[in-house]
Amino acid sequence: MQLCPLVWSKPSCVQCNATYRALDSKGIDYEIHDLTEHPDALDTLRNANFLQAPVVQFREDLWTGFRPDKIDEIAKAIA
């Protein structure tokens, strides 16, 4: 079972930074993967219609953009 969210991001991304801050404020550990360093992952996400960063994966859930509601769900799931 995935213990922490994966955050696929890119440099200078406002929504990515908001996501990091929200995760940090809730004490949630996470892994950051820079999409500019993983072109294969970028292609896969684009083909799956994820067209903006960040793309966040936690367990079976996958979403794009800054989603405080989803971050709240993660906090509850790992509490």
PDB file of N, CA and C in Angstrom:
ATOM      1  N   MET A   1       0.849  -1.183   0.000  1.00  0.00           N
ATOM      2  CA  MET A   1       0.000   0.000   0.000  1.00  0.00           C
ATOM      3  C   MET A   1       0.891   1.243   0.000  1.00  0.00           C
ATOM      4  N   GLN A   2       0.545   2.192  -0.824  1.00  0.00           N
ATOM      5  CA  GLN A   2       1.290   3.441  -0.927  1.00  0.00           C
ATOM      6  C   GLN A   2       1.105   4.241   0.357  1.00  0.00           C
ATOM      7  N   LEU A   3       2.221   4.606   0.985  1.00  0.00           N
ATOM      8  CA  LEU A   3       2.148   5.291   2.265  1.00  0.00           C
ATOM      9  C   LEU A   3       2.129   6.808   2.160  1.00  0.00           C
ATOM     10  N   CYS A   4       2.660   7.337   1.066  1.00  0.00           N
ATOM     11  CA  CYS A   4       2.649   8.791   0.914  1.00  0.00           C
ATOM     12  C   CYS A   4       2.321   9.157  -0.530  1.00  0.00           C
ATOM     13  N   PRO A   5       1.760  10.348  -0.724  1.00  0.00           N
ATOM     14  CA  PRO A   5       1.404  10.758  -2.083  1.00  0.00           C
ATOM     15  C   PRO A   5       2.639  11.023  -2.939  1.00  0.00           C
ATOM     16  N   LEU A   6       2.487  10.780  -4.228  1.00  0.00           N
ATOM     17  CA  LEU A   6       3.491  11.148  -5.217  1.00  0.00           C
ATOM     18  C   LEU A   6       2.988  12.406  -5.901  1.00  0.00           C
ATOM     19  N   VAL A   7       3.844  13.402  -5.994  1.00  0.00           N
ATOM     20  CA  VAL A   7       3.475  14.662  -6.632  1.00  0.00           C
ATOM     21  C   VAL A   7       4.346  14.840  -7.867  1.00  0.00           C
ATOM     22  N   TRP A   8       3.726  14.710  -9.025  1.00  0.00           N
ATOM     23  CA  TRP A   8       4.413  14.954 -10.297  1.00  0.00           C
ATOM     24  C   TRP A   8       4.288  16.441 -10.572  1.00  0.00           C
ATOM     25  N   SER A   9       5.421  17.136 -10.662  1.00  0.00           N
ATOM     26  CA  SER A   9       5.388  18.589 -10.752  1.00  0.00           C
ATOM     27  C   SER A   9       6.337  19.097 -11.828  1.00  0.00           C
ATOM     28  N   LYS A  10       6.388  20.420 -11.928  1.00  0.00           N
ATOM     29  CA  LYS A  10       7.334  21.068 -12.831  1.00  0.00           C
ATOM     30  C   LYS A  10       7.834  22.333 -12.151  1.00  0.00           C
ATOM     31  N   PRO A  11       8.988  22.830 -12.564  1.00  0.00           N
ATOM     32  CA  PRO A  11       9.534  24.037 -11.936  1.00  0.00           C
ATOM     33  C   PRO A  11       8.616  25.249 -12.134  1.00  0.00           C
ATOM     34  N   SER A  12       8.652  26.142 -11.175  1.00  0.00           N
ATOM     35  CA  SER A  12       7.906  27.410 -11.229  1.00  0.00           C
ATOM     36  C   SER A  12       6.406  27.207 -11.412  1.00  0.00           C
ATOM     37  N   CYS A  13       5.870  26.209 -10.754  1.00  0.00           N
ATOM     38  CA  CYS A  13       4.450  25.868 -10.868  1.00  0.00           C
ATOM     39  C   CYS A  13       3.721  26.359  -9.614  1.00  0.00           C
ATOM     40  N   VAL A  14       2.855  27.336  -9.789  1.00  0.00           N
ATOM     41  CA  VAL A  14       2.136  27.934  -8.662  1.00  0.00           C
ATOM     42  C   VAL A  14       1.258  26.899  -7.957  1.00  0.00           C
ATOM     43  N   GLN A  15       0.513  26.106  -8.717  1.00  0.00           N
ATOM     44  CA  GLN A  15      -0.363  25.105  -8.103  1.00  0.00           C
ATOM     45  C   GLN A  15       0.444  24.000  -7.421  1.00  0.00           C
ATOM     46  N   CYS A  16       1.621  23.692  -7.960  1.00  0.00           N
ATOM     47  CA  CYS A  16       2.496  22.706  -7.316  1.00  0.00           C
ATOM     48  C   CYS A  16       2.934  23.229  -5.949  1.00  0.00           C
ATOM     49  N   ASN A  17       3.377  24.487  -5.916  1.00  0.00           N
ATOM     50  CA  ASN A  17       3.820  25.076  -4.653  1.00  0.00           C
ATOM     51  C   ASN A  17       2.686  25.147  -3.640  1.00  0.00           C
ATOM     52  N   ALA A  18       1.484  25.452  -4.088  1.00  0.00           N
ATOM     53  CA  ALA A  18       0.327  25.473  -3.182  1.00  0.00           C
ATOM     54  C   ALA A  18       0.061  24.070  -2.633  1.00  0.00           C
ATOM     55  N   THR A  19       0.231  23.062  -3.477  1.00  0.00           N
ATOM     56  CA  THR A  19       0.040  21.674  -3.045  1.00  0.00           C
ATOM     57  C   THR A  19       1.073  21.294  -1.999  1.00  0.00           C
ATOM     58  N   TYR A  20       2.348  21.644  -2.230  1.00  0.00           N
ATOM     59  CA  TYR A  20       3.396  21.351  -1.238  1.00  0.00           C
ATOM     60  C   TYR A  20       3.069  22.013   0.096  1.00  0.00           C
ATOM     61  N   ARG A  21       2.680  23.292   0.043  1.00  0.00           N
ATOM     62  CA  ARG A  21       2.378  24.014   1.289  1.00  0.00           C
ATOM     63  C   ARG A  21       1.222  23.363   2.043  1.00  0.00           C
ATOM     64  N   ALA A  22       0.184  22.953   1.318  1.00  0.00           N
ATOM     65  CA  ALA A  22      -0.971  22.325   1.963  1.00  0.00           C
ATOM     66  C   ALA A  22      -0.584  20.980   2.577  1.00  0.00           C
ATOM     67  N   LEU A  23       0.196  20.193   1.850  1.00  0.00           N
ATOM     68  CA  LEU A  23       0.652  18.906   2.392  1.00  0.00           C
ATOM     69  C   LEU A  23       1.526  19.139   3.621  1.00  0.00           C
ATOM     70  N   ASP A  24       2.449  20.101   3.531  1.00  0.00           N
ATOM     71  CA  ASP A  24       3.320  20.417   4.667  1.00  0.00           C
ATOM     72  C   ASP A  24       2.511  20.865   5.877  1.00  0.00           C
ATOM     73  N   SER A  25       1.498  21.690   5.653  1.00  0.00           N
ATOM     74  CA  SER A  25       0.714  22.226   6.773  1.00  0.00           C
ATOM     75  C   SER A  25      -0.047  21.132   7.516  1.00  0.00           C
ATOM     76  N   LYS A  26      -0.318  20.037   6.828  1.00  0.00           N
ATOM     77  CA  LYS A  26      -1.022  18.914   7.455  1.00  0.00           C
ATOM     78  C   LYS A  26      -0.054  17.833   7.936  1.00  0.00           C
ATOM     79  N   GLY A  27       1.249  18.079   7.782  1.00  0.00           N
ATOM     80  CA  GLY A  27       2.254  17.122   8.233  1.00  0.00           C
ATOM     81  C   GLY A  27       2.306  15.857   7.395  1.00  0.00           C
ATOM     82  N   ILE A  28       1.939  15.953   6.126  1.00  0.00           N
ATOM     83  CA  ILE A  28       1.907  14.791   5.237  1.00  0.00           C
ATOM     84  C   ILE A  28       3.228  14.692   4.486  1.00  0.00           C
ATOM     85  N   ASP A  29       3.908  13.561   4.630  1.00  0.00           N
ATOM     86  CA  ASP A  29       5.110  13.300   3.840  1.00  0.00           C
ATOM     87  C   ASP A  29       4.699  12.997   2.412  1.00  0.00           C
ATOM     88  N   TYR A  30       5.526  13.384   1.456  1.00  0.00           N
ATOM     89  CA  TYR A  30       5.220  13.148   0.047  1.00  0.00           C
ATOM     90  C   TYR A  30       6.511  13.063  -0.748  1.00  0.00           C
ATOM     91  N   GLU A  31       6.414  12.491  -1.933  1.00  0.00           N
ATOM     92  CA  GLU A  31       7.540  12.404  -2.855  1.00  0.00           C
ATOM     93  C   GLU A  31       7.276  13.334  -4.025  1.00  0.00           C
ATOM     94  N   ILE A  32       8.302  14.087  -4.414  1.00  0.00           N
ATOM     95  CA  ILE A  32       8.196  14.976  -5.570  1.00  0.00           C
ATOM     96  C   ILE A  32       8.963  14.358  -6.729  1.00  0.00           C
ATOM     97  N   HIS A  33       8.329  14.322  -7.886  1.00  0.00           N
ATOM     98  CA  HIS A  33       8.979  13.882  -9.117  1.00  0.00           C
ATOM     99  C   HIS A  33       8.833  15.005 -10.132  1.00  0.00           C
ATOM    100  N   ASP A  34       9.955  15.525 -10.599  1.00  0.00           N
ATOM    101  CA  ASP A  34       9.961  16.620 -11.570  1.00  0.00           C
ATOM    102  C   ASP A  34       9.711  16.052 -12.961  1.00  0.00           C
ATOM    103  N   LEU A  35       8.624  16.462 -13.572  1.00  0.00           N
ATOM    104  CA  LEU A  35       8.259  15.942 -14.892  1.00  0.00           C
ATOM    105  C   LEU A  35       9.280  16.297 -15.963  1.00  0.00           C
ATOM    106  N   THR A  36      10.041  17.374 -15.764  1.00  0.00           N
ATOM    107  CA  THR A  36      11.062  17.724 -16.752  1.00  0.00           C
ATOM    108  C   THR A  36      12.219  16.731 -16.736  1.00  0.00           C
ATOM    109  N   GLU A  37      12.333  15.967 -15.657  1.00  0.00           N
ATOM    110  CA  GLU A  37      13.379  14.947 -15.550  1.00  0.00           C
ATOM    111  C   GLU A  37      12.866  13.554 -15.905  1.00  0.00           C
ATOM    112  N   HIS A  38      11.568  13.435 -16.156  1.00  0.00           N
ATOM    113  CA  HIS A  38      10.943  12.143 -16.462  1.00  0.00           C
ATOM    114  C   HIS A  38      10.044  12.280 -17.693  1.00  0.00           C
ATOM    115  N   PRO A  39      10.630  12.424 -18.882  1.00  0.00           N
ATOM    116  CA  PRO A  39       9.807  12.635 -20.080  1.00  0.00           C
ATOM    117  C   PRO A  39       8.845  11.488 -20.379  1.00  0.00           C
ATOM    118  N   ASP A  40       9.210  10.265 -20.030  1.00  0.00           N
ATOM    119  CA  ASP A  40       8.295   9.141 -20.254  1.00  0.00           C
ATOM    120  C   ASP A  40       7.043   9.281 -19.394  1.00  0.00           C
ATOM    121  N   ALA A  41       7.225   9.684 -18.143  1.00  0.00           N
ATOM    122  CA  ALA A  41       6.076   9.893 -17.254  1.00  0.00           C
ATOM    123  C   ALA A  41       5.213  11.039 -17.764  1.00  0.00           C
ATOM    124  N   LEU A  42       5.857  12.092 -18.253  1.00  0.00           N
ATOM    125  CA  LEU A  42       5.111  13.220 -18.810  1.00  0.00           C
ATOM    126  C   LEU A  42       4.244  12.769 -19.977  1.00  0.00           C
ATOM    127  N   ASP A  43       4.804  11.967 -20.868  1.00  0.00           N
ATOM    128  CA  ASP A  43       4.035  11.447 -22.005  1.00  0.00           C
ATOM    129  C   ASP A  43       2.868  10.584 -21.540  1.00  0.00           C
ATOM    130  N   THR A  44       3.118   9.721 -20.563  1.00  0.00           N
ATOM    131  CA  THR A  44       2.069   8.850 -20.036  1.00  0.00           C
ATOM    132  C   THR A  44       0.927   9.671 -19.441  1.00  0.00           C
ATOM    133  N   LEU A  45       1.267  10.681 -18.655  1.00  0.00           N
ATOM    134  CA  LEU A  45       0.237  11.520 -18.035  1.00  0.00           C
ATOM    135  C   LEU A  45      -0.538  12.317 -19.081  1.00  0.00           C
ATOM    136  N   ARG A  46       0.162  12.840 -20.066  1.00  0.00           N
ATOM    137  CA  ARG A  46      -0.533  13.574 -21.138  1.00  0.00           C
ATOM    138  C   ARG A  46      -1.489  12.657 -21.890  1.00  0.00           C
ATOM    139  N   ASN A  47      -1.043  11.439 -22.175  1.00  0.00           N
ATOM    140  CA  ASN A  47      -1.899  10.480 -22.884  1.00  0.00           C
ATOM    141  C   ASN A  47      -3.126  10.096 -22.060  1.00  0.00           C
ATOM    142  N   ALA A  48      -3.015  10.197 -20.731  1.00  0.00           N
ATOM    143  CA  ALA A  48      -4.147   9.913 -19.845  1.00  0.00           C
ATOM    144  C   ALA A  48      -4.996  11.165 -19.606  1.00  0.00           C
ATOM    145  N   ASN A  49      -4.695  12.230 -20.351  1.00  0.00           N
ATOM    146  CA  ASN A  49      -5.455  13.481 -20.307  1.00  0.00           C
ATOM    147  C   ASN A  49      -5.194  14.321 -19.063  1.00  0.00           C
ATOM    148  N   PHE A  50      -4.054  14.132 -18.417  1.00  0.00           N
ATOM    149  CA  PHE A  50      -3.636  15.007 -17.323  1.00  0.00           C
ATOM    150  C   PHE A  50      -2.760  16.081 -17.944  1.00  0.00           C
ATOM    151  N   LEU A  51      -3.315  17.272 -18.093  1.00  0.00           N
ATOM    152  CA  LEU A  51      -2.665  18.303 -18.897  1.00  0.00           C
ATOM    153  C   LEU A  51      -2.122  19.472 -18.089  1.00  0.00           C
ATOM    154  N   GLN A  52      -2.221  19.412 -16.766  1.00  0.00           N
ATOM    155  CA  GLN A  52      -1.643  20.472 -15.943  1.00  0.00           C
ATOM    156  C   GLN A  52      -0.987  19.857 -14.722  1.00  0.00           C
ATOM    157  N   ALA A  53      -0.042  20.587 -14.164  1.00  0.00           N
ATOM    158  CA  ALA A  53       0.648  20.146 -12.962  1.00  0.00           C
ATOM    159  C   ALA A  53       0.055  20.887 -11.766  1.00  0.00           C
ATOM    160  N   PRO A  54       0.172  20.285 -10.604  1.00  0.00           N
ATOM    161  CA  PRO A  54       0.737  18.966 -10.359  1.00  0.00           C
ATOM    162  C   PRO A  54      -0.264  17.858 -10.674  1.00  0.00           C
ATOM    163  N   VAL A  55       0.276  16.674 -10.837  1.00  0.00           N
ATOM    164  CA  VAL A  55      -0.544  15.467 -10.858  1.00  0.00           C
ATOM    165  C   VAL A  55      -0.191  14.732  -9.571  1.00  0.00           C
ATOM    166  N   VAL A  56      -1.187  14.469  -8.760  1.00  0.00           N
ATOM    167  CA  VAL A  56      -0.967  13.843  -7.457  1.00  0.00           C
ATOM    168  C   VAL A  56      -1.576  12.454  -7.474  1.00  0.00           C
ATOM    169  N   GLN A  57      -0.793  11.488  -7.000  1.00  0.00           N
ATOM    170  CA  GLN A  57      -1.265  10.109  -6.902  1.00  0.00           C
ATOM    171  C   GLN A  57      -1.169   9.671  -5.454  1.00  0.00           C
ATOM    172  N   PHE A  58      -2.285   9.167  -4.947  1.00  0.00           N
ATOM    173  CA  PHE A  58      -2.304   8.573  -3.609  1.00  0.00           C
ATOM    174  C   PHE A  58      -3.181   7.339  -3.660  1.00  0.00           C
ATOM    175  N   ARG A  59      -2.545   6.209  -3.443  1.00  0.00           N
ATOM    176  CA  ARG A  59      -3.218   4.917  -3.545  1.00  0.00           C
ATOM    177  C   ARG A  59      -3.880   4.790  -4.907  1.00  0.00           C
ATOM    178  N   GLU A  60      -5.186   4.620  -4.975  1.00  0.00           N
ATOM    179  CA  GLU A  60      -5.866   4.441  -6.264  1.00  0.00           C
ATOM    180  C   GLU A  60      -6.343   5.762  -6.868  1.00  0.00           C
ATOM    181  N   ASP A  61      -6.172   6.846  -6.138  1.00  0.00           N
ATOM    182  CA  ASP A  61      -6.677   8.151  -6.571  1.00  0.00           C
ATOM    183  C   ASP A  61      -5.593   8.926  -7.315  1.00  0.00           C
ATOM    184  N   LEU A  62      -5.990   9.605  -8.371  1.00  0.00           N
ATOM    185  CA  LEU A  62      -5.070  10.389  -9.196  1.00  0.00           C
ATOM    186  C   LEU A  62      -5.810  11.641  -9.643  1.00  0.00           C
ATOM    187  N   TRP A  63      -5.217  12.806  -9.410  1.00  0.00           N
ATOM    188  CA  TRP A  63      -5.868  14.048  -9.811  1.00  0.00           C
ATOM    189  C   TRP A  63      -4.830  15.090 -10.210  1.00  0.00           C
ATOM    190  N   THR A  64      -5.322  16.163 -10.799  1.00  0.00           N
ATOM    191  CA  THR A  64      -4.454  17.234 -11.259  1.00  0.00           C
ATOM    192  C   THR A  64      -4.860  18.557 -10.626  1.00  0.00           C
ATOM    193  N   GLY A  65      -3.884  19.448 -10.493  1.00  0.00           N
ATOM    194  CA  GLY A  65      -4.140  20.770  -9.938  1.00  0.00           C
ATOM    195  C   GLY A  65      -4.101  20.782  -8.420  1.00  0.00           C
ATOM    196  N   PHE A  66      -4.273  21.962  -7.865  1.00  0.00           N
ATOM    197  CA  PHE A  66      -4.305  22.135  -6.414  1.00  0.00           C
ATOM    198  C   PHE A  66      -5.689  21.779  -5.913  1.00  0.00           C
ATOM    199  N   ARG A  67      -5.770  20.726  -5.093  1.00  0.00           N
ATOM    200  CA  ARG A  67      -7.060  20.208  -4.617  1.00  0.00           C
ATOM    201  C   ARG A  67      -7.036  20.073  -3.091  1.00  0.00           C
ATOM    202  N   PRO A  68      -7.333  21.145  -2.365  1.00  0.00           N
ATOM    203  CA  PRO A  68      -7.352  21.062  -0.904  1.00  0.00           C
ATOM    204  C   PRO A  68      -8.293  19.980  -0.381  1.00  0.00           C
ATOM    205  N   ASP A  69      -9.406  19.732  -1.084  1.00  0.00           N
ATOM    206  CA  ASP A  69     -10.345  18.695  -0.651  1.00  0.00           C
ATOM    207  C   ASP A  69      -9.692  17.317  -0.686  1.00  0.00           C
ATOM    208  N   LYS A  70      -8.891  17.059  -1.708  1.00  0.00           N
ATOM    209  CA  LYS A  70      -8.208  15.768  -1.822  1.00  0.00           C
ATOM    210  C   LYS A  70      -7.094  15.649  -0.782  1.00  0.00           C
ATOM    211  N   ILE A  71      -6.427  16.762  -0.501  1.00  0.00           N
ATOM    212  CA  ILE A  71      -5.381  16.753   0.520  1.00  0.00           C
ATOM    213  C   ILE A  71      -5.998  16.466   1.884  1.00  0.00           C
ATOM    214  N   ASP A  72      -7.186  17.006   2.147  1.00  0.00           N
ATOM    215  CA  ASP A  72      -7.902  16.685   3.389  1.00  0.00           C
ATOM    216  C   ASP A  72      -8.215  15.191   3.461  1.00  0.00           C
ATOM    217  N   GLU A  73      -8.600  14.593   2.332  1.00  0.00           N
ATOM    218  CA  GLU A  73      -8.877  13.150   2.300  1.00  0.00           C
ATOM    219  C   GLU A  73      -7.624  12.342   2.628  1.00  0.00           C
ATOM    220  N   ILE A  74      -6.474  12.775   2.113  1.00  0.00           N
ATOM    221  CA  ILE A  74      -5.219  12.082   2.419  1.00  0.00           C
ATOM    222  C   ILE A  74      -4.938  12.166   3.913  1.00  0.00           C
ATOM    223  N   ALA A  75      -5.091  13.357   4.477  1.00  0.00           N
ATOM    224  CA  ALA A  75      -4.832  13.543   5.907  1.00  0.00           C
ATOM    225  C   ALA A  75      -5.700  12.609   6.747  1.00  0.00           C
ATOM    226  N   LYS A  76      -6.960  12.468   6.377  1.00  0.00           N
ATOM    227  CA  LYS A  76      -7.855  11.567   7.109  1.00  0.00           C
ATOM    228  C   LYS A  76      -7.449  10.109   6.923  1.00  0.00           C
ATOM    229  N   ALA A  77      -7.016   9.761   5.718  1.00  0.00           N
ATOM    230  CA  ALA A  77      -6.660   8.369   5.426  1.00  0.00           C
ATOM    231  C   ALA A  77      -5.415   7.914   6.175  1.00  0.00           C
ATOM    232  N   ILE A  78      -4.492   8.825   6.427  1.00  0.00           N
ATOM    233  CA  ILE A  78      -3.245   8.417   7.081  1.00  0.00           C
ATOM    234  C   ILE A  78      -3.237   8.721   8.575  1.00  0.00           C
ATOM    235  N   ALA A  79      -4.323   9.302   9.079  1.00  0.00           N
ATOM    236  CA  ALA A  79      -4.392   9.645  10.512  1.00  0.00           C
ATOM    237  C   ALA A  79      -4.437   8.397  11.370  1.00  0.00           C
TER     238      ALA A  79
END
